């Protein structure tokens, strides 16, 4: 298992080294982000398949290639990032914790392309909203894991959702795309001595429009309805 874990970090870092010139070129400007996103999807495929994971993505509805989405999913593993990149061909940026920026190589590009949040700093949260608004105005989607992190209690199937993703979706009147990740926790959990190759299933649920919703009347209901979709899928196991 230690060798398996080390191999994961090799797979994360090696493609970045090989693709470094292209990655730097495509992160010079936000106008070239679409090209960076294509490279990021290639990187995600290399990591997942190189680990012996076999993504099985079930789509209950097609994504509109011209639509920006607010992607939300349950969060259980470092591989959630790679799976979300494979799931959506529509460019999006992650909203994620700033600590990941410390990872060598990966952190350099993570910091340049993602929206970083410092959960201990209220001012950081406001900056996240401002940055996310700007990216959505550019026509780029957002991906948020609304649990706000991986629960310390591994027995929790799905933690409570925070408001941020749903507030942004309502403010910008963009649809929310719920995604259920079934096997990431089993395949590559945060516990060091656990994990194994195998199938990595996901369901992409039909998007839910936010058109006509308001923060005051609909935010909480919207948040809980999306959580129930993901929770029911996890409970059913498919």
C-alpha atoms as a PDB file:
ATOM      1  CA  UNK A   1       0.000   0.000   0.000  1.00  0.00           C
ATOM      2  CA  UNK A   2       2.798   2.541   0.631  1.00  0.00           C
ATOM      3  CA  UNK A   3       4.116   1.793  -2.875  1.00  0.00           C
ATOM      4  CA  UNK A   4       0.583   2.238  -4.267  1.00  0.00           C
ATOM      5  CA  UNK A   5       0.333   5.619  -2.546  1.00  0.00           C
ATOM      6  CA  UNK A   6       3.709   6.736  -3.847  1.00  0.00           C
ATOM      7  CA  UNK A   7       2.685   5.643  -7.352  1.00  0.00           C
ATOM      8  CA  UNK A   8      -0.350   7.942  -7.087  1.00  0.00           C
ATOM      9  CA  UNK A   9       1.868  10.965  -6.489  1.00  0.00           C
ATOM     10  CA  UNK A  10       4.153   9.911  -9.329  1.00  0.00           C
ATOM     11  CA  UNK A  11       1.126   9.832 -11.638  1.00  0.00           C
ATOM     12  CA  UNK A  12       0.008  13.234 -10.366  1.00  0.00           C
ATOM     13  CA  UNK A  13       3.419  14.827 -10.899  1.00  0.00           C
ATOM     14  CA  UNK A  14       4.949  13.162 -13.954  1.00  0.00           C
ATOM     15  CA  UNK A  15       2.374  14.319 -16.556  1.00  0.00           C
ATOM     16  CA  UNK A  16       2.664  17.846 -15.155  1.00  0.00           C
ATOM     17  CA  UNK A  17       6.421  17.764 -15.739  1.00  0.00           C
ATOM     18  CA  UNK A  18       5.978  16.430 -19.289  1.00  0.00           C
ATOM     19  CA  UNK A  19       3.218  18.927 -20.129  1.00  0.00           C
ATOM     20  CA  UNK A  20       4.842  21.838 -18.270  1.00  0.00           C
ATOM     21  CA  UNK A  21       5.463  24.116 -21.303  1.00  0.00           C
ATOM     22  CA  UNK A  22       1.879  23.729 -22.539  1.00  0.00           C
ATOM     23  CA  UNK A  23       0.438  24.138 -19.058  1.00  0.00           C
ATOM     24  CA  UNK A  24       2.353  27.371 -18.517  1.00  0.00           C
ATOM     25  CA  UNK A  25       1.283  28.721 -21.919  1.00  0.00           C
ATOM     26  CA  UNK A  26      -2.380  27.944 -21.279  1.00  0.00           C
ATOM     27  CA  UNK A  27      -2.393  29.612 -17.863  1.00  0.00           C
ATOM     28  CA  UNK A  28      -0.882  32.898 -19.004  1.00  0.00           C
ATOM     29  CA  UNK A  29      -4.352  34.333 -19.593  1.00  0.00           C
ATOM     30  CA  UNK A  30      -7.908  33.440 -18.659  1.00  0.00           C
ATOM     31  CA  UNK A  31      -8.673  33.563 -22.384  1.00  0.00           C
ATOM     32  CA  UNK A  32      -6.667  30.361 -22.855  1.00  0.00           C
ATOM     33  CA  UNK A  33      -8.324  28.539 -19.955  1.00  0.00           C
ATOM     34  CA  UNK A  34     -10.344  26.278 -22.261  1.00  0.00           C
ATOM     35  CA  UNK A  35      -7.092  24.826 -23.595  1.00  0.00           C
ATOM     36  CA  UNK A  36      -5.774  24.322 -20.069  1.00  0.00           C
ATOM     37  CA  UNK A  37      -8.995  22.529 -19.177  1.00  0.00           C
ATOM     38  CA  UNK A  38      -8.475  20.039 -22.018  1.00  0.00           C
ATOM     39  CA  UNK A  39      -4.978  19.302 -20.704  1.00  0.00           C
ATOM     40  CA  UNK A  40      -6.370  18.949 -17.174  1.00  0.00           C
ATOM     41  CA  UNK A  41      -8.854  16.331 -18.401  1.00  0.00           C
ATOM     42  CA  UNK A  42      -6.009  14.401 -20.041  1.00  0.00           C
ATOM     43  CA  UNK A  43      -4.032  14.571 -16.776  1.00  0.00           C
ATOM     44  CA  UNK A  44      -7.058  13.292 -14.827  1.00  0.00           C
ATOM     45  CA  UNK A  45      -7.450  10.304 -17.172  1.00  0.00           C
ATOM     46  CA  UNK A  46      -3.742   9.428 -16.827  1.00  0.00           C
ATOM     47  CA  UNK A  47      -3.965   9.475 -13.019  1.00  0.00           C
ATOM     48  CA  UNK A  48      -7.169   7.440 -12.744  1.00  0.00           C
ATOM     49  CA  UNK A  49      -6.386   4.791 -15.320  1.00  0.00           C
ATOM     50  CA  UNK A  50      -2.766   4.635 -14.187  1.00  0.00           C
ATOM     51  CA  UNK A  51      -3.984   3.754 -10.686  1.00  0.00           C
ATOM     52  CA  UNK A  52      -6.105   0.928 -12.069  1.00  0.00           C
ATOM     53  CA  UNK A  53      -9.372   2.790 -11.589  1.00  0.00           C
ATOM     54  CA  UNK A  54     -12.027   2.305 -14.257  1.00  0.00           C
ATOM     55  CA  UNK A  55     -14.485   5.223 -14.343  1.00  0.00           C
ATOM     56  CA  UNK A  56     -18.096   4.233 -15.072  1.00  0.00           C
ATOM     57  CA  UNK A  57     -20.079   7.420 -15.597  1.00  0.00           C
ATOM     58  CA  UNK A  58     -23.856   7.162 -15.926  1.00  0.00           C
ATOM     59  CA  UNK A  59     -25.470  10.273 -17.369  1.00  0.00           C
ATOM     60  CA  UNK A  60     -29.183  10.727 -16.689  1.00  0.00           C
ATOM     61  CA  UNK A  61     -29.306  13.746 -19.003  1.00  0.00           C
ATOM     62  CA  UNK A  62     -26.985  15.376 -21.514  1.00  0.00           C
ATOM     63  CA  UNK A  63     -25.067  18.508 -20.626  1.00  0.00           C
ATOM     64  CA  UNK A  64     -25.594  21.484 -22.904  1.00  0.00           C
ATOM     65  CA  UNK A  65     -22.132  22.233 -24.347  1.00  0.00           C
ATOM     66  CA  UNK A  66     -22.959  25.952 -24.423  1.00  0.00           C
ATOM     67  CA  UNK A  67     -24.184  26.156 -20.813  1.00  0.00           C
ATOM     68  CA  UNK A  68     -22.235  27.022 -17.681  1.00  0.00           C
ATOM     69  CA  UNK A  69     -23.087  24.847 -14.683  1.00  0.00           C
ATOM     70  CA  UNK A  70     -22.612  24.861 -10.954  1.00  0.00           C
ATOM     71  CA  UNK A  71     -21.297  21.331 -10.407  1.00  0.00           C
ATOM     72  CA  UNK A  72     -21.762  19.888  -6.907  1.00  0.00           C
ATOM     73  CA  UNK A  73     -20.742  16.452  -5.634  1.00  0.00           C
ATOM     74  CA  UNK A  74     -20.063  14.516  -2.449  1.00  0.00           C
ATOM     75  CA  UNK A  75     -16.440  14.685  -1.321  1.00  0.00           C
ATOM     76  CA  UNK A  76     -14.569  11.628  -0.032  1.00  0.00           C
ATOM     77  CA  UNK A  77     -11.183  11.362  -1.762  1.00  0.00           C
ATOM     78  CA  UNK A  78      -8.382  13.198  -3.552  1.00  0.00           C
ATOM     79  CA  UNK A  79      -9.551  11.395  -6.701  1.00  0.00           C
ATOM     80  CA  UNK A  80     -12.809  13.409  -6.655  1.00  0.00           C
ATOM     81  CA  UNK A  81     -10.953  16.168  -8.520  1.00  0.00           C
ATOM     82  CA  UNK A  82      -9.947  13.825 -11.336  1.00  0.00           C
ATOM     83  CA  UNK A  83     -13.407  12.299 -11.623  1.00  0.00           C
ATOM     84  CA  UNK A  84     -15.092  15.677 -11.904  1.00  0.00           C
ATOM     85  CA  UNK A  85     -12.678  16.637 -14.691  1.00  0.00           C
ATOM     86  CA  UNK A  86     -13.618  13.495 -16.619  1.00  0.00           C
ATOM     87  CA  UNK A  87     -17.330  14.021 -16.021  1.00  0.00           C
ATOM     88  CA  UNK A  88     -17.620  17.472 -17.591  1.00  0.00           C
ATOM     89  CA  UNK A  89     -16.369  18.515 -21.015  1.00  0.00           C
ATOM     90  CA  UNK A  90     -17.729  21.997 -20.259  1.00  0.00           C
ATOM     91  CA  UNK A  91     -14.894  24.070 -18.760  1.00  0.00           C
ATOM     92  CA  UNK A  92     -15.186  24.841 -15.067  1.00  0.00           C
ATOM     93  CA  UNK A  93     -12.947  25.932 -12.210  1.00  0.00           C
ATOM     94  CA  UNK A  94     -12.749  24.376  -8.764  1.00  0.00           C
ATOM     95  CA  UNK A  95     -13.387  26.204  -5.537  1.00  0.00           C
ATOM     96  CA  UNK A  96     -11.104  24.447  -3.070  1.00  0.00           C
ATOM     97  CA  UNK A  97      -9.068  24.759   0.089  1.00  0.00           C
ATOM     98  CA  UNK A  98      -5.849  26.747  -0.134  1.00  0.00           C
ATOM     99  CA  UNK A  99      -3.829  23.957   1.536  1.00  0.00           C
ATOM    100  CA  UNK A 100      -3.728  22.020  -1.760  1.00  0.00           C
ATOM    101  CA  UNK A 101      -1.608  24.795  -3.232  1.00  0.00           C
ATOM    102  CA  UNK A 102       1.290  23.479  -1.111  1.00  0.00           C
ATOM    103  CA  UNK A 103       1.515  20.214  -3.087  1.00  0.00           C
ATOM    104  CA  UNK A 104       4.638  20.375  -5.301  1.00  0.00           C
ATOM    105  CA  UNK A 105       3.964  20.891  -9.047  1.00  0.00           C
ATOM    106  CA  UNK A 106       0.210  20.297  -8.718  1.00  0.00           C
ATOM    107  CA  UNK A 107      -0.086  23.223  -6.315  1.00  0.00           C
ATOM    108  CA  UNK A 108       1.554  25.645  -8.743  1.00  0.00           C
ATOM    109  CA  UNK A 109      -1.169  25.197 -11.352  1.00  0.00           C
ATOM    110  CA  UNK A 110      -3.904  24.684  -8.774  1.00  0.00           C
ATOM    111  CA  UNK A 111      -3.142  28.156  -7.420  1.00  0.00           C
ATOM    112  CA  UNK A 112      -3.127  29.698 -10.913  1.00  0.00           C
ATOM    113  CA  UNK A 113      -6.390  28.167 -12.128  1.00  0.00           C
ATOM    114  CA  UNK A 114      -8.616  27.463  -9.127  1.00  0.00           C
ATOM    115  CA  UNK A 115     -10.404  29.683  -6.629  1.00  0.00           C
ATOM    116  CA  UNK A 116      -8.761  29.171  -3.245  1.00  0.00           C
ATOM    117  CA  UNK A 117     -10.600  29.543   0.040  1.00  0.00           C
ATOM    118  CA  UNK A 118      -9.185  29.948   3.524  1.00  0.00           C
ATOM    119  CA  UNK A 119     -11.970  28.674   5.741  1.00  0.00           C
ATOM    120  CA  UNK A 120     -10.500  30.380   8.810  1.00  0.00           C
ATOM    121  CA  UNK A 121     -10.646  33.811   7.189  1.00  0.00           C
ATOM    122  CA  UNK A 122     -14.076  35.477   6.632  1.00  0.00           C
ATOM    123  CA  UNK A 123     -12.503  37.955   4.176  1.00  0.00           C
ATOM    124  CA  UNK A 124     -11.302  35.022   2.072  1.00  0.00           C
ATOM    125  CA  UNK A 125     -14.883  33.791   1.712  1.00  0.00           C
ATOM    126  CA  UNK A 126     -15.990  37.120   0.286  1.00  0.00           C
ATOM    127  CA  UNK A 127     -13.055  37.095  -2.129  1.00  0.00           C
ATOM    128  CA  UNK A 128     -14.117  33.608  -3.268  1.00  0.00           C
ATOM    129  CA  UNK A 129     -17.586  34.873  -4.139  1.00  0.00           C
ATOM    130  CA  UNK A 130     -16.169  37.842  -6.035  1.00  0.00           C
ATOM    131  CA  UNK A 131     -13.765  35.626  -7.980  1.00  0.00           C
ATOM    132  CA  UNK A 132     -16.445  33.042  -8.747  1.00  0.00           C
ATOM    133  CA  UNK A 133     -18.771  35.753 -10.040  1.00  0.00           C
ATOM    134  CA  UNK A 134     -16.047  36.986 -12.372  1.00  0.00           C
ATOM    135  CA  UNK A 135     -15.378  33.504 -13.774  1.00  0.00           C
ATOM    136  CA  UNK A 136     -19.080  32.829 -14.353  1.00  0.00           C
ATOM    137  CA  UNK A 137     -19.385  36.121 -16.185  1.00  0.00           C
ATOM    138  CA  UNK A 138     -16.595  34.792 -18.441  1.00  0.00           C
ATOM    139  CA  UNK A 139     -18.803  31.799 -19.231  1.00  0.00           C
ATOM    140  CA  UNK A 140     -16.850  29.282 -17.125  1.00  0.00           C
ATOM    141  CA  UNK A 141     -18.658  26.918 -14.769  1.00  0.00           C
ATOM    142  CA  UNK A 142     -17.821  26.327 -11.103  1.00  0.00           C
ATOM    143  CA  UNK A 143     -17.290  23.079  -9.206  1.00  0.00           C
ATOM    144  CA  UNK A 144     -17.825  23.069  -5.447  1.00  0.00           C
ATOM    145  CA  UNK A 145     -17.921  20.202  -2.977  1.00  0.00           C
ATOM    146  CA  UNK A 146     -20.660  21.696  -0.766  1.00  0.00           C
ATOM    147  CA  UNK A 147     -19.841  19.607   2.311  1.00  0.00           C
ATOM    148  CA  UNK A 148     -16.910  22.000   2.682  1.00  0.00           C
ATOM    149  CA  UNK A 149     -14.405  19.185   3.174  1.00  0.00           C
ATOM    150  CA  UNK A 150     -14.168  15.503   3.971  1.00  0.00           C
ATOM    151  CA  UNK A 151     -15.807  14.651   7.328  1.00  0.00           C
ATOM    152  CA  UNK A 152     -13.444  13.380  10.034  1.00  0.00           C
ATOM    153  CA  UNK A 153     -16.047  10.747  10.894  1.00  0.00           C
ATOM    154  CA  UNK A 154     -15.715   8.254   8.027  1.00  0.00           C
ATOM    155  CA  UNK A 155     -19.092   6.700   8.895  1.00  0.00           C
ATOM    156  CA  UNK A 156     -20.915   9.833   7.678  1.00  0.00           C
ATOM    157  CA  UNK A 157     -22.422   9.055   4.295  1.00  0.00           C
ATOM    158  CA  UNK A 158     -23.047  12.689   3.344  1.00  0.00           C
ATOM    159  CA  UNK A 159     -22.375  15.699   5.543  1.00  0.00           C
ATOM    160  CA  UNK A 160     -24.514  18.834   5.674  1.00  0.00           C
ATOM    161  CA  UNK A 161     -24.208  21.230   2.725  1.00  0.00           C
ATOM    162  CA  UNK A 162     -22.993  24.791   2.937  1.00  0.00           C
ATOM    163  CA  UNK A 163     -24.803  27.610   1.113  1.00  0.00           C
ATOM    164  CA  UNK A 164     -22.090  28.942  -1.215  1.00  0.00           C
ATOM    165  CA  UNK A 165     -22.761  26.926  -4.369  1.00  0.00           C
ATOM    166  CA  UNK A 166     -26.499  27.528  -4.228  1.00  0.00           C
ATOM    167  CA  UNK A 167     -26.162  31.209  -3.453  1.00  0.00           C
ATOM    168  CA  UNK A 168     -23.920  31.678  -6.502  1.00  0.00           C
ATOM    169  CA  UNK A 169     -26.204  29.601  -8.729  1.00  0.00           C
ATOM    170  CA  UNK A 170     -29.250  31.665  -7.765  1.00  0.00           C
ATOM    171  CA  UNK A 171     -27.433  34.988  -8.075  1.00  0.00           C
ATOM    172  CA  UNK A 172     -26.272  34.108 -11.593  1.00  0.00           C
ATOM    173  CA  UNK A 173     -29.348  32.088 -12.536  1.00  0.00           C
ATOM    174  CA  UNK A 174     -27.286  29.105 -13.715  1.00  0.00           C
ATOM    175  CA  UNK A 175     -28.345  25.465 -13.258  1.00  0.00           C
ATOM    176  CA  UNK A 176     -26.904  23.201 -10.596  1.00  0.00           C
ATOM    177  CA  UNK A 177     -25.599  19.835 -11.801  1.00  0.00           C
ATOM    178  CA  UNK A 178     -25.607  17.245  -8.976  1.00  0.00           C
ATOM    179  CA  UNK A 179     -23.053  14.435  -9.210  1.00  0.00           C
ATOM    180  CA  UNK A 180     -22.867  11.333  -7.014  1.00  0.00           C
ATOM    181  CA  UNK A 181     -19.465   9.680  -6.586  1.00  0.00           C
ATOM    182  CA  UNK A 182     -19.920   6.141  -5.282  1.00  0.00           C
ATOM    183  CA  UNK A 183     -16.554   4.409  -5.096  1.00  0.00           C
ATOM    184  CA  UNK A 184     -13.862   7.081  -4.645  1.00  0.00           C
ATOM    185  CA  UNK A 185     -13.857   6.631  -0.874  1.00  0.00           C
ATOM    186  CA  UNK A 186     -13.356   2.873  -1.259  1.00  0.00           C
ATOM    187  CA  UNK A 187     -10.780   3.098  -4.040  1.00  0.00           C
ATOM    188  CA  UNK A 188      -8.571   5.844  -2.595  1.00  0.00           C
ATOM    189  CA  UNK A 189      -9.618   7.066   0.860  1.00  0.00           C
ATOM    190  CA  UNK A 190      -7.620   9.432   3.022  1.00  0.00           C
ATOM    191  CA  UNK A 191      -6.657   6.524   5.314  1.00  0.00           C
ATOM    192  CA  UNK A 192      -3.118   5.695   4.246  1.00  0.00           C
ATOM    193  CA  UNK A 193      -3.340   1.891   4.352  1.00  0.00           C
ATOM    194  CA  UNK A 194      -6.624   1.516   2.481  1.00  0.00           C
ATOM    195  CA  UNK A 195      -7.547   1.553  -1.201  1.00  0.00           C
ATOM    196  CA  UNK A 196      -7.526  -0.695  -4.251  1.00  0.00           C
ATOM    197  CA  UNK A 197      -7.898  -0.671  -8.056  1.00  0.00           C
ATOM    198  CA  UNK A 198     -11.349  -1.267  -9.515  1.00  0.00           C
ATOM    199  CA  UNK A 199     -14.483   0.400 -10.836  1.00  0.00           C
ATOM    200  CA  UNK A 200     -15.145   4.025  -9.932  1.00  0.00           C
ATOM    201  CA  UNK A 201     -18.820   4.753 -10.511  1.00  0.00           C
ATOM    202  CA  UNK A 202     -20.523   8.129 -10.817  1.00  0.00           C
ATOM    203  CA  UNK A 203     -23.988   9.365 -11.708  1.00  0.00           C
ATOM    204  CA  UNK A 204     -24.508  12.728 -13.368  1.00  0.00           C
ATOM    205  CA  UNK A 205     -28.046  13.743 -12.448  1.00  0.00           C
ATOM    206  CA  UNK A 206     -30.244  16.021 -14.553  1.00  0.00           C
ATOM    207  CA  UNK A 207     -29.403  19.666 -13.986  1.00  0.00           C
ATOM    208  CA  UNK A 208     -31.735  21.755 -11.851  1.00  0.00           C
ATOM    209  CA  UNK A 209     -32.478  25.266 -13.129  1.00  0.00           C
ATOM    210  CA  UNK A 210     -32.322  28.195 -10.742  1.00  0.00           C
ATOM    211  CA  UNK A 211     -34.262  30.531 -13.036  1.00  0.00           C
ATOM    212  CA  UNK A 212     -36.677  32.685 -11.070  1.00  0.00           C
ATOM    213  CA  UNK A 213     -35.317  31.643  -7.669  1.00  0.00           C
ATOM    214  CA  UNK A 214     -34.391  34.180  -5.011  1.00  0.00           C
ATOM    215  CA  UNK A 215     -31.928  33.879  -2.149  1.00  0.00           C
ATOM    216  CA  UNK A 216     -34.497  34.760   0.477  1.00  0.00           C
ATOM    217  CA  UNK A 217     -37.207  32.352  -0.658  1.00  0.00           C
ATOM    218  CA  UNK A 218     -35.386  29.465  -2.290  1.00  0.00           C
ATOM    219  CA  UNK A 219     -31.757  29.078  -1.175  1.00  0.00           C
ATOM    220  CA  UNK A 220     -32.313  26.658   1.717  1.00  0.00           C
ATOM    221  CA  UNK A 221     -34.934  24.595  -0.108  1.00  0.00           C
ATOM    222  CA  UNK A 222     -32.711  24.439  -3.197  1.00  0.00           C
ATOM    223  CA  UNK A 223     -29.688  23.362  -1.156  1.00  0.00           C
ATOM    224  CA  UNK A 224     -31.561  20.608   0.671  1.00  0.00           C
ATOM    225  CA  UNK A 225     -33.274  19.295  -2.464  1.00  0.00           C
ATOM    226  CA  UNK A 226     -29.894  18.837  -4.187  1.00  0.00           C
ATOM    227  CA  UNK A 227     -28.468  17.173  -1.089  1.00  0.00           C
ATOM    228  CA  UNK A 228     -31.374  14.736  -1.043  1.00  0.00           C
ATOM    229  CA  UNK A 229     -30.726  13.740  -4.662  1.00  0.00           C
ATOM    230  CA  UNK A 230     -27.108  12.825  -3.871  1.00  0.00           C
ATOM    231  CA  UNK A 231     -27.953  11.227  -0.517  1.00  0.00           C
ATOM    232  CA  UNK A 232     -30.657   8.993  -1.980  1.00  0.00           C
ATOM    233  CA  UNK A 233     -28.265   7.814  -4.695  1.00  0.00           C
ATOM    234  CA  UNK A 234     -25.624   6.967  -2.100  1.00  0.00           C
ATOM    235  CA  UNK A 235     -28.151   5.093   0.029  1.00  0.00           C
ATOM    236  CA  UNK A 236     -29.364   3.108  -2.951  1.00  0.00           C
ATOM    237  CA  UNK A 237     -25.824   2.474  -4.111  1.00  0.00           C
ATOM    238  CA  UNK A 238     -26.645   3.216  -7.777  1.00  0.00           C
END
